[in-house]
């Protein structure tokens, strides 16, 4: 059974930074395409960034130039470095592992950007 555990969320002021981590267990991490998604109150879950098993990355337009996704296959861990945070980045951030057609999700970590 694949388990994903996110950490690193919290409260930060606008313009600040956070680094999210997602640790995977119960599987061969390196074969999965990985991603970060977020869901703000009253809104649908949306894609933030993805990194394929081969390291190819993709970003939502709203975070390009501010967020960086990466993975460390030796540590079964994925990261999301978030800089220049804005209040509209406030959401629960979810880790996703995909080995088509199956998706696995973490429990989410809250990110709040507020002064």
C-alpha atoms as a PDB file:
ATOM      1  CA  UNK A   1       0.000   0.000   0.000  1.00  0.00           C
ATOM      2  CA  UNK A   2       1.400   3.362  -1.055  1.00  0.00           C
ATOM      3  CA  UNK A   3       1.518   5.989   1.668  1.00  0.00           C
ATOM      4  CA  UNK A   4       2.293   9.656   1.114  1.00  0.00           C
ATOM      5  CA  UNK A   5       2.988  12.016   3.995  1.00  0.00           C
ATOM      6  CA  UNK A   6       3.267  15.759   3.469  1.00  0.00           C
ATOM      7  CA  UNK A   7       4.959  18.225   5.789  1.00  0.00           C
ATOM      8  CA  UNK A   8       6.250  21.778   5.791  1.00  0.00           C
ATOM      9  CA  UNK A   9       3.051  23.778   5.673  1.00  0.00           C
ATOM     10  CA  UNK A  10       2.302  26.675   7.974  1.00  0.00           C
ATOM     11  CA  UNK A  11       1.568  30.368   8.284  1.00  0.00           C
ATOM     12  CA  UNK A  12       3.773  32.780   6.346  1.00  0.00           C
ATOM     13  CA  UNK A  13       3.602  36.451   5.464  1.00  0.00           C
ATOM     14  CA  UNK A  14       3.146  37.600   1.874  1.00  0.00           C
ATOM     15  CA  UNK A  15       6.470  37.506   0.078  1.00  0.00           C
ATOM     16  CA  UNK A  16       7.755  34.738   2.305  1.00  0.00           C
ATOM     17  CA  UNK A  17       8.858  31.195   1.516  1.00  0.00           C
ATOM     18  CA  UNK A  18       7.986  27.647   2.515  1.00  0.00           C
ATOM     19  CA  UNK A  19       9.313  24.258   1.495  1.00  0.00           C
ATOM     20  CA  UNK A  20       6.901  21.352   1.374  1.00  0.00           C
ATOM     21  CA  UNK A  21       8.030  17.728   1.511  1.00  0.00           C
ATOM     22  CA  UNK A  22       6.252  14.519   0.577  1.00  0.00           C
ATOM     23  CA  UNK A  23       7.694  11.219   1.721  1.00  0.00           C
ATOM     24  CA  UNK A  24       6.501   8.045   0.030  1.00  0.00           C
ATOM     25  CA  UNK A  25       6.545   4.539   1.433  1.00  0.00           C
ATOM     26  CA  UNK A  26       5.304   1.121   0.432  1.00  0.00           C
ATOM     27  CA  UNK A  27       6.343   1.398  -3.184  1.00  0.00           C
ATOM     28  CA  UNK A  28       9.145   1.974  -5.654  1.00  0.00           C
ATOM     29  CA  UNK A  29       9.089   5.765  -5.593  1.00  0.00           C
ATOM     30  CA  UNK A  30      11.222   6.313  -8.673  1.00  0.00           C
ATOM     31  CA  UNK A  31       8.721   4.828 -11.120  1.00  0.00           C
ATOM     32  CA  UNK A  32       5.914   7.190 -10.187  1.00  0.00           C
ATOM     33  CA  UNK A  33       5.041  10.517 -11.727  1.00  0.00           C
ATOM     34  CA  UNK A  34       4.617  12.884  -8.794  1.00  0.00           C
ATOM     35  CA  UNK A  35       2.782  16.130  -8.281  1.00  0.00           C
ATOM     36  CA  UNK A  36       1.516  18.808  -5.959  1.00  0.00           C
ATOM     37  CA  UNK A  37      -2.098  19.922  -6.022  1.00  0.00           C
ATOM     38  CA  UNK A  38      -3.935  22.430  -3.862  1.00  0.00           C
ATOM     39  CA  UNK A  39      -7.471  23.158  -2.801  1.00  0.00           C
ATOM     40  CA  UNK A  40      -8.640  26.461  -1.416  1.00  0.00           C
ATOM     41  CA  UNK A  41     -11.914  26.788   0.526  1.00  0.00           C
ATOM     42  CA  UNK A  42     -14.884  26.651  -1.806  1.00  0.00           C
ATOM     43  CA  UNK A  43     -12.749  25.830  -4.824  1.00  0.00           C
ATOM     44  CA  UNK A  44     -11.879  22.721  -6.765  1.00  0.00           C
ATOM     45  CA  UNK A  45      -8.549  20.986  -6.338  1.00  0.00           C
ATOM     46  CA  UNK A  46      -6.060  22.300  -8.881  1.00  0.00           C
ATOM     47  CA  UNK A  47      -2.686  21.278 -10.209  1.00  0.00           C
ATOM     48  CA  UNK A  48       0.300  23.208  -8.882  1.00  0.00           C
ATOM     49  CA  UNK A  49       3.273  21.341 -10.336  1.00  0.00           C
ATOM     50  CA  UNK A  50       4.294  17.895 -11.515  1.00  0.00           C
ATOM     51  CA  UNK A  51       7.545  16.024 -12.005  1.00  0.00           C
ATOM     52  CA  UNK A  52       7.649  12.843 -14.035  1.00  0.00           C
ATOM     53  CA  UNK A  53       9.618   9.717 -13.214  1.00  0.00           C
ATOM     54  CA  UNK A  54      12.207  11.006 -15.680  1.00  0.00           C
ATOM     55  CA  UNK A  55      12.392  14.432 -14.059  1.00  0.00           C
ATOM     56  CA  UNK A  56      10.362  16.485 -16.492  1.00  0.00           C
ATOM     57  CA  UNK A  57       8.542  19.293 -14.715  1.00  0.00           C
ATOM     58  CA  UNK A  58       5.353  21.214 -15.367  1.00  0.00           C
ATOM     59  CA  UNK A  59       3.835  24.184 -13.541  1.00  0.00           C
ATOM     60  CA  UNK A  60       0.549  25.986 -13.323  1.00  0.00           C
ATOM     61  CA  UNK A  61       0.818  29.456 -14.828  1.00  0.00           C
ATOM     62  CA  UNK A  62      -0.042  30.997 -11.463  1.00  0.00           C
ATOM     63  CA  UNK A  63       3.114  29.626  -9.811  1.00  0.00           C
ATOM     64  CA  UNK A  64       5.663  29.724 -12.644  1.00  0.00           C
ATOM     65  CA  UNK A  65       8.807  31.536 -11.596  1.00  0.00           C
ATOM     66  CA  UNK A  66       7.901  31.330  -7.904  1.00  0.00           C
ATOM     67  CA  UNK A  67       7.601  27.603  -7.140  1.00  0.00           C
ATOM     68  CA  UNK A  68      10.077  24.818  -7.854  1.00  0.00           C
ATOM     69  CA  UNK A  69       9.236  21.126  -7.752  1.00  0.00           C
ATOM     70  CA  UNK A  70      11.934  18.502  -7.299  1.00  0.00           C
ATOM     71  CA  UNK A  71      12.391  14.915  -6.235  1.00  0.00           C
ATOM     72  CA  UNK A  72      15.075  12.849  -4.527  1.00  0.00           C
ATOM     73  CA  UNK A  73      14.557   9.233  -5.532  1.00  0.00           C
ATOM     74  CA  UNK A  74      17.244   8.043  -3.123  1.00  0.00           C
ATOM     75  CA  UNK A  75      15.150   9.433  -0.250  1.00  0.00           C
ATOM     76  CA  UNK A  76      11.707   8.633  -1.704  1.00  0.00           C
ATOM     77  CA  UNK A  77      10.876  12.296  -1.277  1.00  0.00           C
ATOM     78  CA  UNK A  78       9.397  15.087  -3.370  1.00  0.00           C
ATOM     79  CA  UNK A  79       9.706  18.780  -2.587  1.00  0.00           C
ATOM     80  CA  UNK A  80       7.963  22.016  -3.438  1.00  0.00           C
ATOM     81  CA  UNK A  81       9.965  25.180  -2.832  1.00  0.00           C
ATOM     82  CA  UNK A  82       7.551  28.090  -2.688  1.00  0.00           C
ATOM     83  CA  UNK A  83       8.900  31.625  -2.873  1.00  0.00           C
ATOM     84  CA  UNK A  84       7.245  35.042  -3.134  1.00  0.00           C
ATOM     85  CA  UNK A  85       4.092  33.619  -1.622  1.00  0.00           C
ATOM     86  CA  UNK A  86       0.822  35.459  -2.124  1.00  0.00           C
ATOM     87  CA  UNK A  87      -2.438  35.356  -0.155  1.00  0.00           C
ATOM     88  CA  UNK A  88      -4.043  33.555  -3.102  1.00  0.00           C
ATOM     89  CA  UNK A  89      -1.613  30.665  -2.542  1.00  0.00           C
ATOM     90  CA  UNK A  90      -3.482  29.865   0.664  1.00  0.00           C
ATOM     91  CA  UNK A  91      -4.821  26.310   0.394  1.00  0.00           C
ATOM     92  CA  UNK A  92      -4.380  22.746   1.512  1.00  0.00           C
ATOM     93  CA  UNK A  93      -1.548  21.271  -0.538  1.00  0.00           C
ATOM     94  CA  UNK A  94      -1.734  17.610  -1.500  1.00  0.00           C
ATOM     95  CA  UNK A  95       0.963  15.249  -2.687  1.00  0.00           C
ATOM     96  CA  UNK A  96       0.034  12.947  -5.582  1.00  0.00           C
ATOM     97  CA  UNK A  97       1.695   9.812  -6.926  1.00  0.00           C
ATOM     98  CA  UNK A  98       0.530   8.488 -10.251  1.00  0.00           C
ATOM     99  CA  UNK A  99       1.218   5.201 -11.972  1.00  0.00           C
ATOM    100  CA  UNK A 100      -1.475   5.344 -14.595  1.00  0.00           C
ATOM    101  CA  UNK A 101      -4.307   4.683 -14.140  1.00  0.00           C
ATOM    102  CA  UNK A 102      -3.904   4.656 -10.362  1.00  0.00           C
ATOM    103  CA  UNK A 103      -3.572   7.781  -8.215  1.00  0.00           C
ATOM    104  CA  UNK A 104      -2.459   7.984  -4.612  1.00  0.00           C
ATOM    105  CA  UNK A 105      -2.929  11.032  -2.382  1.00  0.00           C
ATOM    106  CA  UNK A 106      -1.500  12.310   0.847  1.00  0.00           C
ATOM    107  CA  UNK A 107      -3.581  13.784   3.646  1.00  0.00           C
ATOM    108  CA  UNK A 108      -2.619  17.361   2.803  1.00  0.00           C
ATOM    109  CA  UNK A 109      -0.772  20.158   4.553  1.00  0.00           C
ATOM    110  CA  UNK A 110      -2.203  23.626   5.162  1.00  0.00           C
ATOM    111  CA  UNK A 111      -0.437  26.663   3.742  1.00  0.00           C
ATOM    112  CA  UNK A 112      -1.715  30.052   4.883  1.00  0.00           C
ATOM    113  CA  UNK A 113      -0.299  33.281   3.479  1.00  0.00           C
ATOM    114  CA  UNK A 114      -1.410  36.237   5.537  1.00  0.00           C
ATOM    115  CA  UNK A 115      -0.078  39.317   7.249  1.00  0.00           C
END
